[in-house]
Amino acid sequence: VMGLEARGAGVVIETKSGMRILTDRRLGTGEVAALIDGRTVPVPLSIDREDEKSGLLLLRPDGDLGEALILADAAPKKDDLVFAFAHSERLGAWTKTQGLVTGAGPDQFQSDAVADASMTGGAILNEEGRVAGLLVLRRAEGSPVDWPAAVPAPALRVWLDGGDASATAPVALTDEGTTKIL
């Protein structure tokens, strides 16, 4: 998703209200260009829901976006294999990386799959190809910069169903993996 304010990714999902794009709120709104079936297509959007605390933004497209992804039933656990899909500004291309979950909590998880701040809004998929989480930028405790963290599927589902955004509010995780993302 290439927004007016930033560039990143978004996840097309089916909600109770129809097809939506779930992304990081820093991508902004307006018209975006979406990659659909290998083509870049302009898609006008409007905001369905936005939350500063969780970093989530739900957009309603004016048009068809193709097939939607499915949210996983459970959050990934430590040492689960995950795949990050997003657009990297550094590489100037869509990327797919893989890694293991290195820290997990009810509101976010970390992975050693390569992810940088420009990959915000990207999907983290589990081994079944379902959305295990969404990359959003969050300020790590004691850090002067924002880093990508993943909001797990169950917390996304609560938020999508109109639940309190505190279900996805960040807390510090202890990284027990090969790299520290937060």
Protein backbone atom coordinates (compact mmCIF):
# COMPACT_ATOMS: atom_id res chain seq x y z
CA VAL A 1 0.00 0.00 0.00
CA MET A 2 1.51 3.29 -1.04
CA GLY A 3 -0.28 6.03 0.87
CA LEU A 4 -0.10 9.78 0.58
CA GLU A 5 1.84 10.07 3.83
CA ALA A 6 4.05 6.98 3.75
CA ARG A 7 4.75 3.71 1.99
CA GLY A 8 4.22 0.31 3.50
CA ALA A 9 1.99 -2.71 3.26
CA GLY A 10 -1.54 -3.61 4.22
CA VAL A 11 -3.43 -6.84 4.65
CA VAL A 12 -6.69 -7.41 2.80
CA ILE A 13 -9.04 -9.22 5.17
CA GLU A 14 -12.74 -10.07 5.28
CA THR A 15 -14.54 -8.56 8.29
CA LYS A 16 -18.16 -8.66 9.46
CA SER A 17 -18.61 -5.40 7.54
CA GLY A 18 -17.01 -6.63 4.33
CA MET A 19 -13.56 -6.49 2.77
CA ARG A 20 -11.10 -4.14 4.49
CA ILE A 21 -7.40 -3.26 4.53
CA LEU A 22 -5.69 -3.62 7.90
CA THR A 23 -2.45 -1.67 8.20
CA ASP A 24 -0.28 0.54 10.39
CA ARG A 25 -1.94 3.89 11.12
CA ARG A 26 1.20 5.76 10.00
CA LEU A 27 0.39 5.01 6.38
CA GLY A 28 -2.36 7.60 6.45
CA THR A 29 -5.40 7.72 4.23
CA GLY A 30 -6.55 9.03 0.89
CA GLU A 31 -5.95 7.23 -2.35
CA VAL A 32 -3.39 4.47 -2.31
CA ALA A 33 -1.91 2.27 -4.96
CA ALA A 34 -2.45 -1.39 -4.25
CA LEU A 35 -0.73 -4.35 -5.85
CA ILE A 36 -3.59 -6.56 -7.06
CA ASP A 37 -2.90 -9.65 -9.14
CA GLY A 38 0.51 -8.25 -10.08
CA ARG A 39 -0.86 -4.84 -11.15
CA THR A 40 -0.55 -1.51 -9.36
CA VAL A 41 -4.07 -0.08 -9.11
CA PRO A 42 -5.22 3.20 -7.47
CA VAL A 43 -7.84 2.49 -4.81
CA PRO A 44 -9.75 5.28 -2.99
CA LEU A 45 -10.09 4.52 0.74
CA SER A 46 -11.93 5.78 3.77
CA ILE A 47 -11.20 5.16 7.45
CA ASP A 48 -13.32 2.57 9.24
CA ARG A 49 -11.34 2.61 12.48
CA GLU A 50 -8.04 4.05 13.71
CA ASP A 51 -6.22 3.70 17.00
CA GLU A 52 -3.11 5.61 18.00
CA LYS A 53 -2.36 3.43 21.03
CA SER A 54 -2.26 0.14 19.14
CA GLY A 55 -0.96 1.61 15.87
CA LEU A 56 -3.76 -0.01 13.87
CA LEU A 57 -5.73 1.44 10.97
CA LEU A 58 -8.68 -0.21 9.22
CA LEU A 59 -9.51 1.13 5.77
CA ARG A 60 -12.62 0.60 3.64
CA PRO A 61 -11.75 0.34 -0.07
CA ASP A 62 -13.97 1.70 -2.81
CA GLY A 63 -13.56 -1.23 -5.15
CA ASP A 64 -12.62 -4.88 -5.33
CA LEU A 65 -9.29 -5.95 -3.89
CA GLY A 66 -9.29 -9.59 -4.91
CA GLU A 67 -8.95 -12.43 -2.43
CA ALA A 68 -8.71 -11.71 1.29
CA LEU A 69 -6.31 -13.36 3.73
CA ILE A 70 -7.58 -15.25 6.77
CA LEU A 71 -6.62 -14.45 10.36
CA ALA A 72 -5.02 -17.31 12.30
CA ASP A 73 -7.03 -18.78 15.16
CA ALA A 74 -4.18 -18.53 17.67
CA ALA A 75 -1.19 -16.32 18.33
CA PRO A 76 2.20 -17.73 17.44
CA LYS A 77 4.28 -19.17 20.28
CA LYS A 78 7.98 -18.84 20.94
CA ASP A 79 10.02 -20.75 18.35
CA ASP A 80 7.14 -20.97 15.82
CA LEU A 81 8.23 -20.40 12.21
CA VAL A 82 6.72 -17.25 10.66
CA PHE A 83 7.02 -15.41 7.35
CA ALA A 84 7.06 -11.60 7.02
CA PHE A 85 5.63 -10.10 3.80
CA ALA A 86 6.00 -6.37 3.24
CA HIS A 87 7.40 -3.62 1.06
CA SER A 88 10.91 -2.58 2.07
CA GLU A 89 11.92 0.99 1.26
CA ARG A 90 15.55 0.02 1.79
CA LEU A 91 15.36 -2.65 -0.89
CA GLY A 92 12.76 -0.86 -3.00
CA ALA A 93 10.86 -4.09 -3.43
CA TRP A 94 8.32 -6.45 -1.93
CA THR A 95 10.07 -8.85 0.39
CA LYS A 96 9.43 -12.18 2.09
CA THR A 97 11.60 -13.18 5.02
CA GLN A 98 11.27 -15.96 7.51
CA GLY A 99 12.28 -16.46 11.11
CA LEU A 100 11.32 -17.80 14.48
CA VAL A 101 9.16 -16.10 17.10
CA THR A 102 11.64 -14.91 19.73
CA GLY A 103 9.23 -13.36 22.24
CA ALA A 104 5.45 -13.51 22.55
CA GLY A 105 2.83 -11.81 24.68
CA PRO A 106 -0.92 -11.24 24.41
CA ASP A 107 -0.52 -7.86 22.68
CA GLN A 108 2.56 -8.31 20.50
CA PHE A 109 5.25 -10.71 19.42
CA GLN A 110 8.76 -10.46 18.05
CA SER A 111 10.50 -12.53 15.43
CA ASP A 112 13.98 -12.74 14.01
CA ALA A 113 12.48 -12.58 10.51
CA VAL A 114 14.18 -9.57 8.94
CA ALA A 115 11.91 -6.53 9.25
CA ASP A 116 12.73 -2.84 9.19
CA ALA A 117 10.67 0.24 9.95
CA SER A 118 9.70 0.68 6.29
CA MET A 119 7.90 -2.69 6.32
CA THR A 120 5.09 -1.35 8.50
CA GLY A 121 1.63 -2.78 7.79
CA GLY A 122 3.06 -6.04 6.47
CA ALA A 123 1.60 -9.43 7.25
CA ILE A 124 3.27 -12.06 9.39
CA LEU A 125 2.00 -15.43 8.18
CA ASN A 126 2.17 -18.75 9.99
CA GLU A 127 3.13 -22.05 8.34
CA GLU A 128 -0.50 -22.57 7.27
CA GLY A 129 -0.48 -19.28 5.33
CA ARG A 130 -2.84 -17.50 7.73
CA VAL A 131 -2.22 -14.04 9.15
CA ALA A 132 -0.51 -14.61 12.51
CA GLY A 133 0.11 -10.90 13.03
CA LEU A 134 0.50 -7.43 11.54
CA LEU A 135 3.70 -5.37 11.64
CA VAL A 136 3.26 -1.97 13.27
CA LEU A 137 5.83 0.51 14.49
CA ARG A 138 6.14 0.79 18.26
CA ARG A 139 8.52 2.57 20.55
CA ALA A 140 10.53 0.06 22.55
CA GLU A 141 11.09 0.84 26.20
CA GLY A 142 14.13 3.13 26.50
CA SER A 143 14.58 3.40 22.71
CA PRO A 144 14.65 6.73 20.86
CA VAL A 145 13.23 5.15 17.67
CA ASP A 146 10.25 3.06 16.63
CA TRP A 147 10.76 -0.59 15.66
CA PRO A 148 8.49 -3.11 13.98
CA ALA A 149 6.53 -5.39 16.31
CA ALA A 150 3.70 -7.72 15.37
CA VAL A 151 0.18 -7.49 16.80
CA PRO A 152 -1.03 -11.13 17.04
CA ALA A 153 -4.15 -12.37 15.24
CA PRO A 154 -6.31 -12.85 18.38
CA ALA A 155 -5.67 -9.23 19.45
CA LEU A 156 -6.42 -8.08 15.88
CA ARG A 157 -9.71 -10.00 15.96
CA VAL A 158 -10.75 -8.36 19.25
CA TRP A 159 -9.96 -4.93 17.80
CA LEU A 160 -11.73 -5.66 14.50
CA ASP A 161 -14.83 -6.75 16.42
CA GLY A 162 -14.95 -3.33 18.10
CA GLY A 163 -13.08 -4.27 21.26
CA ASP A 164 -11.05 -1.86 23.32
CA ALA A 165 -7.74 -0.90 21.77
CA SER A 166 -6.07 -1.66 25.11
CA ALA A 167 -6.21 -5.29 23.97
CA THR A 168 -3.37 -4.37 21.62
CA ALA A 169 -1.50 -1.83 23.75
CA PRO A 170 2.24 -2.56 23.76
CA VAL A 171 4.20 -3.92 26.70
CA ALA A 172 7.88 -4.73 26.84
CA LEU A 173 8.87 -8.26 25.87
CA THR A 174 12.07 -10.03 26.79
CA ASP A 175 13.80 -11.11 23.60
CA GLU A 176 15.10 -14.63 24.02
CA GLY A 177 15.98 -15.11 20.36
CA THR A 178 18.93 -14.57 18.09
CA THR A 179 18.38 -10.83 17.63
CA LYS A 180 16.68 -8.03 19.52
CA ILE A 181 14.00 -6.37 17.46
CA LEU A 182 12.59 -4.28 20.31
